[in-house]
């Protein structure tokens, strides 16, 4: 594990341990976060902990063409009860991702410091959001880092059934039209696997970032 200083630098991702833990320390400046994502690295830590940086191997990704939409979700889309917008209310999306109750988790990993850092990234045009509305109320959404041809998903939330899944589907469909290579989902989870995401090697993922 590498200890970072104030210098704008990350060690090679091959230094990461088997859990993907690469480095500790540094800061959450726009410049460092942008450098991190461009090199397949992201912060992940809890309130009260030092900043911890990860680069897992394998990497969970979704190629837009591989998106799977279930019959039930197709019905939800056809009904048209939800409205989906892009990059219209980033601060509310990240606030909901931070505060929404998650029964399978003990708390949030989005610290106050991290929340403010990603709002700064949004202000620079680097972090983007998807919003899902029902009766003019924000009921779901997601946010992530837009690298131009790769979108790095960070977190999603839902206060009604299917809202976060709908946000993800609309994002993937939008990015496919814009010829994005893939959506970075970081680490495996069953929810994203059901939507078509799969694991690739870190080396393969880094090649997509380089290209």
N, C-alpha and C. Protein backbone atom coordinates (compact mmCIF):
# COMPACT_ATOMS: atom_id res chain seq x y z
N UNK A 1 0.84 -1.19 0.00
CA UNK A 1 0.00 0.00 0.00
C UNK A 1 0.88 1.24 0.00
N UNK A 2 0.60 2.17 -0.88
CA UNK A 2 1.42 3.35 -1.09
C UNK A 2 0.84 4.54 -0.32
N UNK A 3 1.70 5.29 0.39
CA UNK A 3 1.26 6.46 1.14
C UNK A 3 1.49 7.70 0.28
N UNK A 4 0.39 8.39 -0.05
CA UNK A 4 0.47 9.57 -0.90
C UNK A 4 0.83 10.82 -0.10
N UNK A 5 1.52 11.73 -0.76
CA UNK A 5 1.83 13.03 -0.18
C UNK A 5 0.99 14.09 -0.90
N UNK A 6 1.36 15.34 -0.77
CA UNK A 6 0.66 16.41 -1.46
C UNK A 6 1.00 16.44 -2.95
N UNK A 7 2.04 15.74 -3.33
CA UNK A 7 2.43 15.67 -4.75
C UNK A 7 1.32 15.02 -5.56
N UNK A 8 1.03 15.57 -6.76
CA UNK A 8 -0.02 15.03 -7.61
C UNK A 8 0.52 13.80 -8.33
N UNK A 9 0.33 12.64 -7.72
CA UNK A 9 0.99 11.42 -8.20
C UNK A 9 0.23 10.20 -7.69
N UNK A 10 0.16 9.14 -8.51
CA UNK A 10 -0.30 7.83 -8.08
C UNK A 10 0.72 6.78 -8.51
N UNK A 11 0.92 5.75 -7.70
CA UNK A 11 1.80 4.66 -8.12
C UNK A 11 1.15 3.83 -9.22
N UNK A 12 1.92 3.01 -9.94
CA UNK A 12 1.31 2.11 -10.93
C UNK A 12 0.24 1.23 -10.27
N UNK A 13 -0.85 0.98 -10.99
CA UNK A 13 -1.95 0.21 -10.40
C UNK A 13 -1.55 -1.23 -10.08
N UNK A 14 -0.46 -1.69 -10.64
CA UNK A 14 0.02 -3.04 -10.33
C UNK A 14 0.48 -3.15 -8.87
N UNK A 15 0.63 -2.02 -8.19
CA UNK A 15 0.99 -2.02 -6.78
C UNK A 15 -0.21 -2.38 -5.89
N UNK A 16 -1.40 -2.37 -6.44
CA UNK A 16 -2.61 -2.65 -5.65
C UNK A 16 -2.58 -4.09 -5.12
N UNK A 17 -3.13 -4.29 -3.91
CA UNK A 17 -3.19 -5.64 -3.37
C UNK A 17 -4.35 -6.42 -3.99
N UNK A 18 -4.59 -7.62 -3.53
CA UNK A 18 -5.60 -8.48 -4.15
C UNK A 18 -7.02 -7.93 -4.00
N UNK A 19 -7.23 -7.05 -3.04
CA UNK A 19 -8.53 -6.41 -2.87
C UNK A 19 -8.65 -5.13 -3.69
N UNK A 20 -7.58 -4.76 -4.38
CA UNK A 20 -7.62 -3.55 -5.19
C UNK A 20 -7.11 -2.31 -4.48
N UNK A 21 -6.75 -2.43 -3.20
CA UNK A 21 -6.29 -1.28 -2.44
C UNK A 21 -4.91 -0.86 -2.95
N UNK A 22 -4.81 0.39 -3.37
CA UNK A 22 -3.59 0.88 -4.00
C UNK A 22 -2.83 1.87 -3.14
N UNK A 23 -3.52 2.86 -2.57
CA UNK A 23 -2.83 3.94 -1.88
C UNK A 23 -3.73 4.57 -0.82
N UNK A 24 -3.11 5.29 0.08
CA UNK A 24 -3.81 6.00 1.15
C UNK A 24 -3.28 7.42 1.21
N UNK A 25 -4.18 8.39 1.47
CA UNK A 25 -3.74 9.76 1.66
C UNK A 25 -4.05 10.65 0.47
N UNK A 26 -3.27 11.71 0.35
CA UNK A 26 -3.53 12.68 -0.71
C UNK A 26 -4.72 13.55 -0.38
N UNK A 27 -5.46 13.94 -1.40
CA UNK A 27 -6.61 14.82 -1.21
C UNK A 27 -7.67 14.50 -2.26
N UNK A 28 -8.76 15.24 -2.21
CA UNK A 28 -9.85 15.05 -3.18
C UNK A 28 -9.99 16.27 -4.08
N UNK A 29 -8.87 16.83 -4.47
CA UNK A 29 -8.90 17.97 -5.39
C UNK A 29 -9.40 17.52 -6.75
N UNK A 30 -9.91 18.47 -7.52
CA UNK A 30 -10.36 18.17 -8.87
C UNK A 30 -9.24 17.55 -9.68
N UNK A 31 -8.04 18.08 -9.56
CA UNK A 31 -6.90 17.60 -10.35
C UNK A 31 -6.55 16.17 -9.99
N UNK A 32 -6.54 15.85 -8.70
CA UNK A 32 -6.18 14.48 -8.29
C UNK A 32 -7.26 13.49 -8.68
N UNK A 33 -8.51 13.86 -8.49
CA UNK A 33 -9.60 12.96 -8.86
C UNK A 33 -9.62 12.69 -10.36
N UNK A 34 -9.40 13.72 -11.16
CA UNK A 34 -9.37 13.54 -12.60
C UNK A 34 -8.22 12.62 -13.00
N UNK A 35 -7.04 12.83 -12.40
CA UNK A 35 -5.89 11.96 -12.67
C UNK A 35 -6.20 10.52 -12.27
N UNK A 36 -6.86 10.35 -11.13
CA UNK A 36 -7.19 9.01 -10.65
C UNK A 36 -8.07 8.26 -11.65
N UNK A 37 -9.19 8.88 -12.04
CA UNK A 37 -10.13 8.19 -12.92
C UNK A 37 -9.51 7.89 -14.28
N UNK A 38 -8.68 8.78 -14.78
CA UNK A 38 -8.03 8.53 -16.07
C UNK A 38 -7.05 7.36 -16.01
N UNK A 39 -6.67 6.97 -14.79
CA UNK A 39 -5.74 5.86 -14.61
C UNK A 39 -6.38 4.65 -13.95
N UNK A 40 -7.72 4.62 -13.95
CA UNK A 40 -8.43 3.45 -13.44
C UNK A 40 -8.43 3.34 -11.93
N UNK A 41 -8.36 4.47 -11.25
CA UNK A 41 -8.29 4.53 -9.79
C UNK A 41 -9.47 5.34 -9.27
N UNK A 42 -10.02 4.95 -8.12
CA UNK A 42 -11.11 5.72 -7.53
C UNK A 42 -11.02 5.69 -6.00
N UNK A 43 -11.55 6.73 -5.32
CA UNK A 43 -11.54 6.74 -3.85
C UNK A 43 -12.73 5.99 -3.28
N UNK A 44 -12.49 5.33 -2.15
CA UNK A 44 -13.58 4.58 -1.51
C UNK A 44 -13.22 4.41 -0.04
N UNK A 45 -13.89 5.15 0.82
CA UNK A 45 -13.56 5.12 2.25
C UNK A 45 -14.76 5.62 3.04
N UNK A 46 -14.73 5.41 4.33
CA UNK A 46 -15.82 5.81 5.20
C UNK A 46 -15.46 7.07 6.00
N UNK A 47 -16.48 7.71 6.53
CA UNK A 47 -16.27 8.90 7.36
C UNK A 47 -15.33 8.56 8.51
N UNK A 48 -14.35 9.44 8.75
CA UNK A 48 -13.39 9.22 9.83
C UNK A 48 -12.16 8.44 9.41
N UNK A 49 -12.17 7.86 8.22
CA UNK A 49 -11.01 7.13 7.70
C UNK A 49 -10.17 8.05 6.81
N UNK A 50 -8.90 7.71 6.62
CA UNK A 50 -8.12 8.44 5.62
C UNK A 50 -8.66 8.15 4.22
N UNK A 51 -8.29 8.97 3.25
CA UNK A 51 -8.70 8.74 1.87
C UNK A 51 -8.02 7.48 1.36
N UNK A 52 -8.80 6.53 0.86
CA UNK A 52 -8.26 5.26 0.37
C UNK A 52 -8.57 5.14 -1.12
N UNK A 53 -7.58 4.73 -1.90
CA UNK A 53 -7.69 4.66 -3.35
C UNK A 53 -7.62 3.22 -3.81
N UNK A 54 -8.49 2.87 -4.76
CA UNK A 54 -8.60 1.49 -5.23
C UNK A 54 -8.44 1.40 -6.75
N UNK A 55 -7.93 0.26 -7.17
CA UNK A 55 -7.92 -0.11 -8.59
C UNK A 55 -8.08 -1.62 -8.65
N UNK A 56 -9.33 -2.11 -8.61
CA UNK A 56 -9.58 -3.55 -8.50
C UNK A 56 -9.27 -4.33 -9.78
N UNK A 57 -8.97 -5.57 -9.59
CA UNK A 57 -8.74 -6.51 -10.70
C UNK A 57 -9.38 -7.84 -10.33
N UNK A 58 -10.42 -8.29 -11.06
CA UNK A 58 -10.95 -7.74 -12.31
C UNK A 58 -11.80 -6.48 -12.08
N UNK A 59 -12.27 -5.91 -13.19
CA UNK A 59 -13.07 -4.69 -13.16
C UNK A 59 -14.45 -4.99 -13.73
N UNK A 60 -15.48 -4.54 -13.04
CA UNK A 60 -16.85 -4.73 -13.52
C UNK A 60 -17.20 -3.61 -14.49
N UNK A 61 -17.59 -3.96 -15.70
CA UNK A 61 -17.93 -2.96 -16.72
C UNK A 61 -19.18 -3.41 -17.47
N UNK A 62 -19.79 -2.47 -18.15
CA UNK A 62 -20.90 -2.78 -19.06
C UNK A 62 -20.61 -2.16 -20.42
N UNK A 63 -20.56 -2.99 -21.44
CA UNK A 63 -20.51 -2.49 -22.81
C UNK A 63 -21.94 -2.16 -23.22
N UNK A 64 -22.19 -0.96 -23.73
CA UNK A 64 -23.57 -0.54 -24.00
C UNK A 64 -24.38 -1.55 -24.81
N UNK A 65 -23.76 -2.21 -25.77
CA UNK A 65 -24.49 -3.17 -26.61
C UNK A 65 -24.97 -4.38 -25.82
N UNK A 66 -24.38 -4.62 -24.64
CA UNK A 66 -24.73 -5.79 -23.83
C UNK A 66 -25.83 -5.52 -22.81
N UNK A 67 -26.39 -4.32 -22.82
CA UNK A 67 -27.44 -3.98 -21.87
C UNK A 67 -28.61 -4.96 -21.95
N UNK A 68 -29.05 -5.44 -20.80
CA UNK A 68 -30.20 -6.34 -20.73
C UNK A 68 -31.36 -5.61 -20.03
N UNK A 69 -32.50 -5.56 -20.72
CA UNK A 69 -33.68 -4.93 -20.14
C UNK A 69 -34.74 -6.01 -19.97
N UNK A 70 -35.15 -6.26 -18.75
CA UNK A 70 -36.13 -7.32 -18.48
C UNK A 70 -37.50 -6.94 -19.02
N UNK A 71 -38.37 -7.93 -19.15
CA UNK A 71 -39.73 -7.67 -19.62
C UNK A 71 -40.45 -6.70 -18.70
N UNK A 72 -40.25 -6.85 -17.40
CA UNK A 72 -40.92 -5.97 -16.45
C UNK A 72 -40.44 -4.53 -16.59
N UNK A 73 -39.14 -4.35 -16.86
CA UNK A 73 -38.62 -2.99 -17.04
C UNK A 73 -39.11 -2.40 -18.36
N UNK A 74 -39.24 -3.21 -19.38
CA UNK A 74 -39.79 -2.73 -20.65
C UNK A 74 -41.21 -2.22 -20.45
N UNK A 75 -41.98 -2.91 -19.58
CA UNK A 75 -43.33 -2.46 -19.28
C UNK A 75 -43.32 -1.13 -18.53
N UNK A 76 -42.38 -0.99 -17.60
CA UNK A 76 -42.24 0.27 -16.85
C UNK A 76 -41.94 1.42 -17.81
N UNK A 77 -41.04 1.18 -18.75
CA UNK A 77 -40.67 2.22 -19.72
C UNK A 77 -41.86 2.57 -20.61
N UNK A 78 -42.60 1.54 -21.07
CA UNK A 78 -43.74 1.78 -21.95
C UNK A 78 -44.84 2.59 -21.25
N UNK A 79 -45.04 2.37 -19.97
CA UNK A 79 -46.08 3.09 -19.24
C UNK A 79 -45.80 4.59 -19.19
N UNK A 80 -44.54 4.96 -19.20
CA UNK A 80 -44.17 6.37 -19.27
C UNK A 80 -44.51 7.20 -18.05
N UNK A 81 -44.62 6.55 -16.88
CA UNK A 81 -44.97 7.30 -15.68
C UNK A 81 -43.81 8.17 -15.19
N UNK A 82 -42.58 7.72 -15.50
CA UNK A 82 -41.39 8.43 -15.04
C UNK A 82 -40.88 9.39 -16.11
N UNK A 83 -40.26 10.44 -15.65
CA UNK A 83 -39.54 11.37 -16.53
C UNK A 83 -38.06 11.26 -16.20
N UNK A 84 -37.22 11.20 -17.22
CA UNK A 84 -35.78 11.08 -17.01
C UNK A 84 -35.08 12.31 -17.59
N UNK A 85 -34.20 12.92 -16.80
CA UNK A 85 -33.40 14.05 -17.26
C UNK A 85 -31.92 13.74 -17.05
N UNK A 86 -31.08 14.49 -17.75
CA UNK A 86 -29.63 14.30 -17.65
C UNK A 86 -28.96 15.58 -17.18
N UNK A 87 -28.21 15.44 -16.09
CA UNK A 87 -27.35 16.52 -15.63
C UNK A 87 -28.13 17.79 -15.28
N UNK A 88 -29.31 17.62 -14.71
CA UNK A 88 -30.16 18.76 -14.37
C UNK A 88 -30.18 19.09 -12.87
N UNK A 89 -29.81 18.12 -12.01
CA UNK A 89 -29.87 18.38 -10.57
C UNK A 89 -28.84 17.52 -9.84
N UNK A 90 -27.59 17.76 -10.18
CA UNK A 90 -26.50 16.92 -9.66
C UNK A 90 -26.45 16.94 -8.13
N UNK A 91 -26.54 18.12 -7.54
CA UNK A 91 -26.38 18.23 -6.09
C UNK A 91 -27.44 17.43 -5.34
N UNK A 92 -28.68 17.41 -5.86
CA UNK A 92 -29.74 16.64 -5.21
C UNK A 92 -29.52 15.13 -5.39
N UNK A 93 -29.00 14.74 -6.55
CA UNK A 93 -28.74 13.32 -6.79
C UNK A 93 -27.68 12.81 -5.82
N UNK A 94 -26.56 13.51 -5.71
CA UNK A 94 -25.50 13.02 -4.82
C UNK A 94 -25.94 13.09 -3.36
N UNK A 95 -26.75 14.09 -3.01
CA UNK A 95 -27.26 14.16 -1.65
C UNK A 95 -28.14 12.96 -1.33
N UNK A 96 -28.98 12.56 -2.28
CA UNK A 96 -29.82 11.39 -2.08
C UNK A 96 -29.00 10.11 -2.04
N UNK A 97 -28.00 10.00 -2.90
CA UNK A 97 -27.12 8.83 -2.87
C UNK A 97 -26.44 8.72 -1.51
N UNK A 98 -26.10 9.85 -0.94
CA UNK A 98 -25.42 9.88 0.36
C UNK A 98 -26.37 9.50 1.50
N UNK A 99 -27.61 9.96 1.43
CA UNK A 99 -28.50 9.87 2.59
C UNK A 99 -29.56 8.78 2.53
N UNK A 100 -29.80 8.20 1.35
CA UNK A 100 -30.87 7.21 1.24
C UNK A 100 -30.54 5.98 2.09
N UNK A 101 -31.56 5.41 2.70
CA UNK A 101 -31.38 4.22 3.55
C UNK A 101 -31.10 3.00 2.68
N UNK A 102 -30.05 2.28 3.02
CA UNK A 102 -29.70 1.05 2.30
C UNK A 102 -29.67 -0.09 3.32
N UNK A 103 -30.66 -0.98 3.29
CA UNK A 103 -30.77 -2.03 4.32
C UNK A 103 -29.59 -2.99 4.35
N UNK A 104 -28.86 -3.10 3.22
CA UNK A 104 -27.75 -4.04 3.15
C UNK A 104 -26.42 -3.40 3.54
N UNK A 105 -26.44 -2.12 3.93
CA UNK A 105 -25.22 -1.43 4.29
C UNK A 105 -25.37 -0.76 5.66
N UNK A 106 -24.25 -0.69 6.38
CA UNK A 106 -24.29 -0.08 7.70
C UNK A 106 -24.35 1.43 7.66
N UNK A 107 -23.98 2.02 6.54
CA UNK A 107 -23.97 3.48 6.43
C UNK A 107 -23.54 3.87 5.04
N UNK A 108 -23.23 5.15 4.88
CA UNK A 108 -22.84 5.65 3.58
C UNK A 108 -21.32 5.75 3.47
N UNK A 109 -20.79 5.56 2.26
CA UNK A 109 -19.37 5.79 2.02
C UNK A 109 -19.15 7.15 1.39
N UNK A 110 -20.24 7.87 1.11
CA UNK A 110 -20.11 9.22 0.55
C UNK A 110 -19.99 10.20 1.71
N UNK A 111 -18.78 10.58 2.04
CA UNK A 111 -18.54 11.49 3.15
C UNK A 111 -18.89 12.91 2.73
N UNK A 112 -18.97 13.81 3.69
CA UNK A 112 -19.23 15.21 3.38
C UNK A 112 -18.14 15.77 2.46
N UNK A 113 -16.89 15.39 2.74
CA UNK A 113 -15.77 15.84 1.92
C UNK A 113 -15.89 15.34 0.49
N UNK A 114 -16.28 14.08 0.35
CA UNK A 114 -16.42 13.51 -0.98
C UNK A 114 -17.60 14.16 -1.72
N UNK A 115 -18.68 14.40 -1.03
CA UNK A 115 -19.84 15.04 -1.65
C UNK A 115 -19.44 16.39 -2.25
N UNK A 116 -18.72 17.19 -1.49
CA UNK A 116 -18.32 18.51 -1.97
C UNK A 116 -17.33 18.39 -3.13
N UNK A 117 -16.44 17.40 -3.06
CA UNK A 117 -15.45 17.21 -4.12
C UNK A 117 -16.12 16.88 -5.45
N UNK A 118 -17.16 16.05 -5.42
CA UNK A 118 -17.82 15.67 -6.67
C UNK A 118 -18.71 16.79 -7.19
N UNK A 119 -19.22 17.63 -6.30
CA UNK A 119 -19.93 18.82 -6.77
C UNK A 119 -18.96 19.74 -7.50
N UNK A 120 -17.73 19.84 -7.01
CA UNK A 120 -16.71 20.62 -7.70
C UNK A 120 -16.40 20.01 -9.07
N UNK A 121 -16.34 18.69 -9.14
CA UNK A 121 -16.12 18.01 -10.42
C UNK A 121 -17.28 18.29 -11.38
N UNK A 122 -18.48 18.32 -10.85
CA UNK A 122 -19.64 18.64 -11.68
C UNK A 122 -19.55 20.07 -12.21
N UNK A 123 -19.14 20.98 -11.34
CA UNK A 123 -19.01 22.38 -11.77
C UNK A 123 -17.97 22.54 -12.87
N UNK A 124 -17.01 21.62 -12.92
CA UNK A 124 -15.98 21.64 -13.97
C UNK A 124 -16.41 20.87 -15.22
N UNK A 125 -17.62 20.29 -15.18
CA UNK A 125 -18.12 19.54 -16.33
C UNK A 125 -17.63 18.11 -16.41
N UNK A 126 -17.05 17.60 -15.31
CA UNK A 126 -16.47 16.25 -15.32
C UNK A 126 -17.43 15.23 -14.73
N UNK A 127 -18.13 15.58 -13.66
CA UNK A 127 -19.11 14.68 -13.05
C UNK A 127 -20.50 14.99 -13.61
N UNK A 128 -21.25 13.93 -13.91
CA UNK A 128 -22.57 14.08 -14.53
C UNK A 128 -23.61 13.26 -13.75
N UNK A 129 -24.87 13.62 -13.95
CA UNK A 129 -25.94 12.92 -13.23
C UNK A 129 -27.09 12.56 -14.16
N UNK A 130 -27.86 11.59 -13.72
CA UNK A 130 -29.14 11.23 -14.35
C UNK A 130 -30.20 11.34 -13.26
N UNK A 131 -31.33 11.97 -13.59
CA UNK A 131 -32.41 12.15 -12.62
C UNK A 131 -33.68 11.45 -13.11
N UNK A 132 -34.38 10.81 -12.19
CA UNK A 132 -35.67 10.17 -12.50
C UNK A 132 -36.74 10.82 -11.63
N UNK A 133 -37.79 11.29 -12.30
CA UNK A 133 -38.85 12.03 -11.63
C UNK A 133 -40.18 11.29 -11.72
N UNK A 134 -40.97 11.39 -10.68
CA UNK A 134 -42.34 10.87 -10.67
C UNK A 134 -43.22 11.95 -10.05
N UNK A 135 -44.18 12.44 -10.85
CA UNK A 135 -45.05 13.54 -10.39
C UNK A 135 -44.23 14.73 -9.90
N UNK A 136 -43.20 15.07 -10.67
CA UNK A 136 -42.32 16.21 -10.38
C UNK A 136 -41.49 16.06 -9.11
N UNK A 137 -41.39 14.84 -8.60
CA UNK A 137 -40.56 14.57 -7.43
C UNK A 137 -39.37 13.70 -7.85
N UNK A 138 -38.18 14.05 -7.36
CA UNK A 138 -36.98 13.27 -7.66
C UNK A 138 -37.03 11.96 -6.88
N UNK A 139 -37.13 10.85 -7.59
CA UNK A 139 -37.31 9.55 -6.93
C UNK A 139 -36.17 8.57 -7.22
N UNK A 140 -35.24 8.96 -8.07
CA UNK A 140 -34.13 8.08 -8.38
C UNK A 140 -33.09 8.79 -9.20
N UNK A 141 -31.92 8.18 -9.30
CA UNK A 141 -30.89 8.78 -10.12
C UNK A 141 -29.54 8.14 -9.87
N UNK A 142 -28.56 8.65 -10.58
CA UNK A 142 -27.18 8.18 -10.42
C UNK A 142 -26.23 9.30 -10.82
N UNK A 143 -24.97 9.13 -10.46
CA UNK A 143 -23.96 10.08 -10.90
C UNK A 143 -22.65 9.35 -11.14
N UNK A 144 -21.76 10.00 -11.90
CA UNK A 144 -20.47 9.40 -12.18
C UNK A 144 -19.56 10.38 -12.88
N UNK A 145 -18.43 9.87 -13.32
CA UNK A 145 -17.39 10.67 -13.96
C UNK A 145 -17.40 10.41 -15.45
N UNK A 146 -17.48 11.46 -16.23
CA UNK A 146 -17.53 11.37 -17.69
C UNK A 146 -16.14 11.64 -18.26
N UNK A 147 -15.51 10.59 -18.80
CA UNK A 147 -14.17 10.72 -19.38
C UNK A 147 -14.19 10.86 -20.90
N UNK A 148 -15.36 11.07 -21.46
CA UNK A 148 -15.45 11.31 -22.90
C UNK A 148 -15.91 10.12 -23.70
N UNK A 149 -15.27 8.96 -23.52
CA UNK A 149 -15.72 7.73 -24.16
C UNK A 149 -15.94 6.60 -23.15
N UNK A 150 -15.63 6.88 -21.90
CA UNK A 150 -15.88 5.96 -20.78
C UNK A 150 -16.60 6.74 -19.69
N UNK A 151 -17.68 6.16 -19.16
CA UNK A 151 -18.40 6.78 -18.05
C UNK A 151 -18.19 5.91 -16.82
N UNK A 152 -17.67 6.51 -15.75
CA UNK A 152 -17.39 5.78 -14.52
C UNK A 152 -18.52 6.00 -13.53
N UNK A 153 -19.38 5.02 -13.40
CA UNK A 153 -20.50 5.13 -12.48
C UNK A 153 -20.02 5.13 -11.04
N UNK A 154 -20.63 5.98 -10.20
CA UNK A 154 -20.21 6.08 -8.81
C UNK A 154 -21.27 5.57 -7.84
N UNK A 155 -22.48 6.08 -7.93
CA UNK A 155 -23.52 5.66 -7.00
C UNK A 155 -24.88 5.94 -7.61
N UNK A 156 -25.88 5.20 -7.14
CA UNK A 156 -27.26 5.43 -7.58
C UNK A 156 -28.18 5.32 -6.37
N UNK A 157 -29.39 5.87 -6.51
CA UNK A 157 -30.36 5.78 -5.43
C UNK A 157 -31.75 5.62 -6.02
N UNK A 158 -32.65 5.13 -5.18
CA UNK A 158 -34.03 4.98 -5.59
C UNK A 158 -34.91 5.06 -4.35
N UNK A 159 -35.97 5.84 -4.43
CA UNK A 159 -36.94 5.89 -3.33
C UNK A 159 -38.24 5.19 -3.71
N UNK A 160 -38.38 4.81 -4.97
CA UNK A 160 -39.49 3.98 -5.43
C UNK A 160 -38.93 2.87 -6.30
N UNK A 161 -39.65 1.80 -6.45
CA UNK A 161 -39.17 0.65 -7.21
C UNK A 161 -38.81 1.02 -8.63
N UNK A 162 -37.69 0.50 -9.08
CA UNK A 162 -37.22 0.58 -10.47
C UNK A 162 -36.63 1.92 -10.89
N UNK A 163 -36.64 2.92 -10.02
CA UNK A 163 -36.18 4.25 -10.45
C UNK A 163 -34.69 4.28 -10.76
N UNK A 164 -33.85 3.66 -9.91
CA UNK A 164 -32.41 3.68 -10.19
C UNK A 164 -32.08 2.81 -11.40
N UNK A 165 -32.80 1.71 -11.55
CA UNK A 165 -32.59 0.85 -12.71
C UNK A 165 -32.95 1.59 -14.00
N UNK A 166 -34.03 2.37 -13.94
CA UNK A 166 -34.43 3.16 -15.10
C UNK A 166 -33.37 4.20 -15.43
N UNK A 167 -32.81 4.85 -14.42
CA UNK A 167 -31.75 5.83 -14.64
C UNK A 167 -30.57 5.19 -15.35
N UNK A 168 -30.20 4.00 -14.93
CA UNK A 168 -29.06 3.31 -15.52
C UNK A 168 -29.35 2.92 -16.98
N UNK A 169 -30.53 2.41 -17.23
CA UNK A 169 -30.91 2.01 -18.60
C UNK A 169 -30.87 3.21 -19.54
N UNK A 170 -31.46 4.32 -19.11
CA UNK A 170 -31.46 5.52 -19.96
C UNK A 170 -30.05 6.03 -20.19
N UNK A 171 -29.21 5.97 -19.15
CA UNK A 171 -27.81 6.40 -19.32
C UNK A 171 -27.10 5.54 -20.36
N UNK A 172 -27.23 4.24 -20.25
CA UNK A 172 -26.55 3.34 -21.18
C UNK A 172 -27.04 3.59 -22.61
N UNK A 173 -28.33 3.73 -22.78
CA UNK A 173 -28.87 3.97 -24.12
C UNK A 173 -28.38 5.30 -24.70
N UNK A 174 -28.27 6.31 -23.86
CA UNK A 174 -27.76 7.61 -24.30
C UNK A 174 -26.29 7.51 -24.70
N UNK A 175 -25.51 6.83 -23.89
CA UNK A 175 -24.07 6.72 -24.17
C UNK A 175 -23.80 5.84 -25.39
N UNK A 176 -24.65 4.84 -25.60
CA UNK A 176 -24.48 4.02 -26.80
C UNK A 176 -24.66 4.86 -28.06
N UNK A 177 -25.65 5.74 -28.06
CA UNK A 177 -25.88 6.63 -29.22
C UNK A 177 -24.70 7.57 -29.44
N UNK A 178 -23.99 7.87 -28.36
CA UNK A 178 -22.85 8.79 -28.44
C UNK A 178 -21.52 8.06 -28.58
N UNK A 179 -21.61 6.74 -28.85
CA UNK A 179 -20.43 5.90 -29.15
C UNK A 179 -19.46 5.78 -27.99
N UNK A 180 -19.98 5.75 -26.76
CA UNK A 180 -19.11 5.47 -25.62
C UNK A 180 -18.69 4.00 -25.65
N UNK A 181 -17.47 3.74 -25.18
CA UNK A 181 -16.95 2.37 -25.22
C UNK A 181 -17.56 1.49 -24.13
N UNK A 182 -17.64 2.04 -22.92
CA UNK A 182 -18.15 1.23 -21.82
C UNK A 182 -18.52 2.10 -20.63
N UNK A 183 -19.25 1.49 -19.70
CA UNK A 183 -19.58 2.10 -18.42
C UNK A 183 -18.82 1.32 -17.36
N UNK A 184 -18.01 2.02 -16.59
CA UNK A 184 -17.25 1.41 -15.50
C UNK A 184 -18.16 1.25 -14.29
N UNK A 185 -18.30 0.01 -13.83
CA UNK A 185 -19.13 -0.28 -12.66
C UNK A 185 -18.29 -0.66 -11.45
N UNK A 186 -16.97 -0.58 -11.60
CA UNK A 186 -15.98 -0.77 -10.53
C UNK A 186 -15.88 -2.22 -10.06
N UNK A 187 -16.78 -2.66 -9.19
CA UNK A 187 -16.67 -4.02 -8.64
C UNK A 187 -17.99 -4.77 -8.83
N UNK A 188 -17.91 -6.08 -8.81
CA UNK A 188 -19.06 -6.93 -9.11
C UNK A 188 -20.21 -6.71 -8.12
N UNK A 189 -21.42 -6.61 -8.66
CA UNK A 189 -22.61 -6.79 -7.83
C UNK A 189 -23.72 -7.38 -8.69
N UNK A 190 -24.61 -8.13 -8.05
CA UNK A 190 -25.64 -8.88 -8.76
C UNK A 190 -26.60 -7.99 -9.54
N UNK A 191 -26.90 -6.81 -8.97
CA UNK A 191 -27.84 -5.89 -9.62
C UNK A 191 -27.33 -5.48 -11.00
N UNK A 192 -26.07 -5.09 -11.09
CA UNK A 192 -25.51 -4.67 -12.37
C UNK A 192 -25.28 -5.85 -13.30
N UNK A 193 -24.96 -7.00 -12.73
CA UNK A 193 -24.80 -8.20 -13.56
C UNK A 193 -26.11 -8.54 -14.26
N UNK A 194 -27.24 -8.32 -13.57
CA UNK A 194 -28.55 -8.62 -14.16
C UNK A 194 -28.86 -7.68 -15.32
N UNK A 195 -28.18 -6.53 -15.37
CA UNK A 195 -28.37 -5.57 -16.45
C UNK A 195 -27.37 -5.75 -17.59
N UNK A 196 -26.50 -6.74 -17.46
CA UNK A 196 -25.58 -7.05 -18.54
C UNK A 196 -24.12 -6.76 -18.27
N UNK A 197 -23.81 -6.21 -17.09
CA UNK A 197 -22.42 -5.92 -16.76
C UNK A 197 -21.65 -7.20 -16.49
N UNK A 198 -20.36 -7.18 -16.73
CA UNK A 198 -19.51 -8.34 -16.53
C UNK A 198 -18.11 -7.88 -16.16
N UNK A 199 -17.28 -8.81 -15.73
CA UNK A 199 -15.92 -8.48 -15.32
C UNK A 199 -14.94 -8.66 -16.47
N UNK A 200 -13.98 -7.73 -16.56
CA UNK A 200 -12.84 -7.86 -17.46
C UNK A 200 -11.58 -7.62 -16.64
N UNK A 201 -10.44 -7.95 -17.18
CA UNK A 201 -9.20 -7.74 -16.45
C UNK A 201 -8.91 -6.24 -16.32
N UNK A 202 -8.16 -5.90 -15.31
CA UNK A 202 -7.78 -4.49 -15.14
C UNK A 202 -6.96 -4.02 -16.33
N UNK A 203 -6.08 -4.86 -16.85
CA UNK A 203 -5.28 -4.48 -18.01
C UNK A 203 -6.16 -4.13 -19.21
N UNK A 204 -7.20 -4.95 -19.44
CA UNK A 204 -8.11 -4.67 -20.55
C UNK A 204 -8.85 -3.36 -20.32
N UNK A 205 -9.27 -3.13 -19.09
CA UNK A 205 -9.97 -1.88 -18.76
C UNK A 205 -9.07 -0.67 -19.00
N UNK A 206 -7.82 -0.77 -18.60
CA UNK A 206 -6.88 0.34 -18.77
C UNK A 206 -6.64 0.64 -20.24
N UNK A 207 -6.68 -0.38 -21.08
CA UNK A 207 -6.50 -0.15 -22.52
C UNK A 207 -7.67 0.67 -23.08
N UNK A 208 -8.87 0.43 -22.57
CA UNK A 208 -10.01 1.24 -23.02
C UNK A 208 -9.83 2.69 -22.58
N UNK A 209 -9.27 2.90 -21.39
CA UNK A 209 -9.01 4.26 -20.93
C UNK A 209 -7.94 4.93 -21.79
N UNK A 210 -6.91 4.19 -22.15
CA UNK A 210 -5.83 4.75 -22.93
C UNK A 210 -6.29 5.14 -24.34
N UNK A 211 -7.18 4.34 -24.90
CA UNK A 211 -7.61 4.57 -26.27
C UNK A 211 -8.69 5.63 -26.38
